[in-house]
Every structure is written in structure tokens, then in C-alpha cells.
Amino acid sequence: MSQKGNKKARPARRAFLIGINHAINEINYMTGHIAEQVITCRRRFNK
């Protein structure tokens, strides 16, 4: 019983962690993109 439970839990946990990693990567990409836009806007504003 315990082995079957572990086999079922591992793929779900792995998929869950992969989903979290994807979300973190997307958030980092979006924040980086926003930061680039802010920097370019500041450069234009300073000129």
C-alpha cells in the first residue's frame, strides 16, 4: 500500500514543482521586461 501511494505521489509532486518553476520563470521574465521598459522610459525622459 505504501509503495503504491509513493508512486502516485511522486509524479504529482514533480509536476507541481515543475509548474512552480515555470511560474517563477514567467514572473522573472515579466519583471525583467518591465524593468527594461522603465529604464528606456527614464532614458527618454532624461533626454
Protein backbone atom coordinates (compact mmCIF):
# COMPACT_ATOMS: atom_id res chain seq x y z
CA MET A 1 0.00 0.00 0.00
CA SER A 2 2.72 2.48 0.98
CA GLN A 3 4.72 1.81 -2.22
CA LYS A 4 1.67 2.41 -4.44
CA GLY A 5 0.96 5.65 -2.56
CA ASN A 6 4.54 6.84 -3.05
CA LYS A 7 4.46 6.02 -6.78
CA LYS A 8 1.26 8.05 -7.15
CA ALA A 9 2.56 10.98 -5.08
CA ARG A 10 5.95 11.39 -6.78
CA PRO A 11 4.76 12.31 -10.32
CA ALA A 12 2.17 14.70 -8.88
CA ARG A 13 4.76 16.36 -6.67
CA ARG A 14 7.23 16.56 -9.58
CA ALA A 15 4.59 18.12 -11.86
CA PHE A 16 3.69 20.56 -9.07
CA LEU A 17 7.34 21.63 -8.67
CA ILE A 18 7.72 21.97 -12.46
CA GLY A 19 4.62 24.18 -12.52
CA ILE A 20 6.07 26.37 -9.76
CA ASN A 21 9.37 26.65 -11.65
CA HIS A 22 7.52 27.67 -14.83
CA ALA A 23 5.55 30.30 -12.90
CA ILE A 24 8.73 31.69 -11.31
CA ASN A 25 10.45 31.83 -14.72
CA GLU A 26 7.47 33.66 -16.24
CA ILE A 27 7.38 36.14 -13.33
CA ASN A 28 11.15 36.76 -13.64
CA TYR A 29 10.78 37.27 -17.42
CA MET A 30 7.87 39.69 -16.97
CA THR A 31 9.62 41.69 -14.21
CA GLY A 32 12.79 41.86 -16.33
CA HIS A 33 10.77 43.03 -19.35
CA ILE A 34 9.01 45.71 -17.25
CA ALA A 35 12.36 46.83 -15.80
CA GLU A 36 13.78 47.23 -19.33
CA GLN A 37 10.77 49.33 -20.37
CA VAL A 38 11.13 51.52 -17.25
CA ILE A 39 14.85 52.03 -17.95
CA THR A 40 14.17 53.00 -21.59
CA CYS A 41 11.39 55.39 -20.49
CA ARG A 42 13.73 57.02 -17.96
CA ARG A 43 16.44 57.43 -20.61
CA ARG A 44 13.97 59.08 -22.99
CA PHE A 45 12.66 61.28 -20.17
CA ASN A 46 16.19 62.36 -19.15
CA LYS A 47 16.92 63.40 -22.74
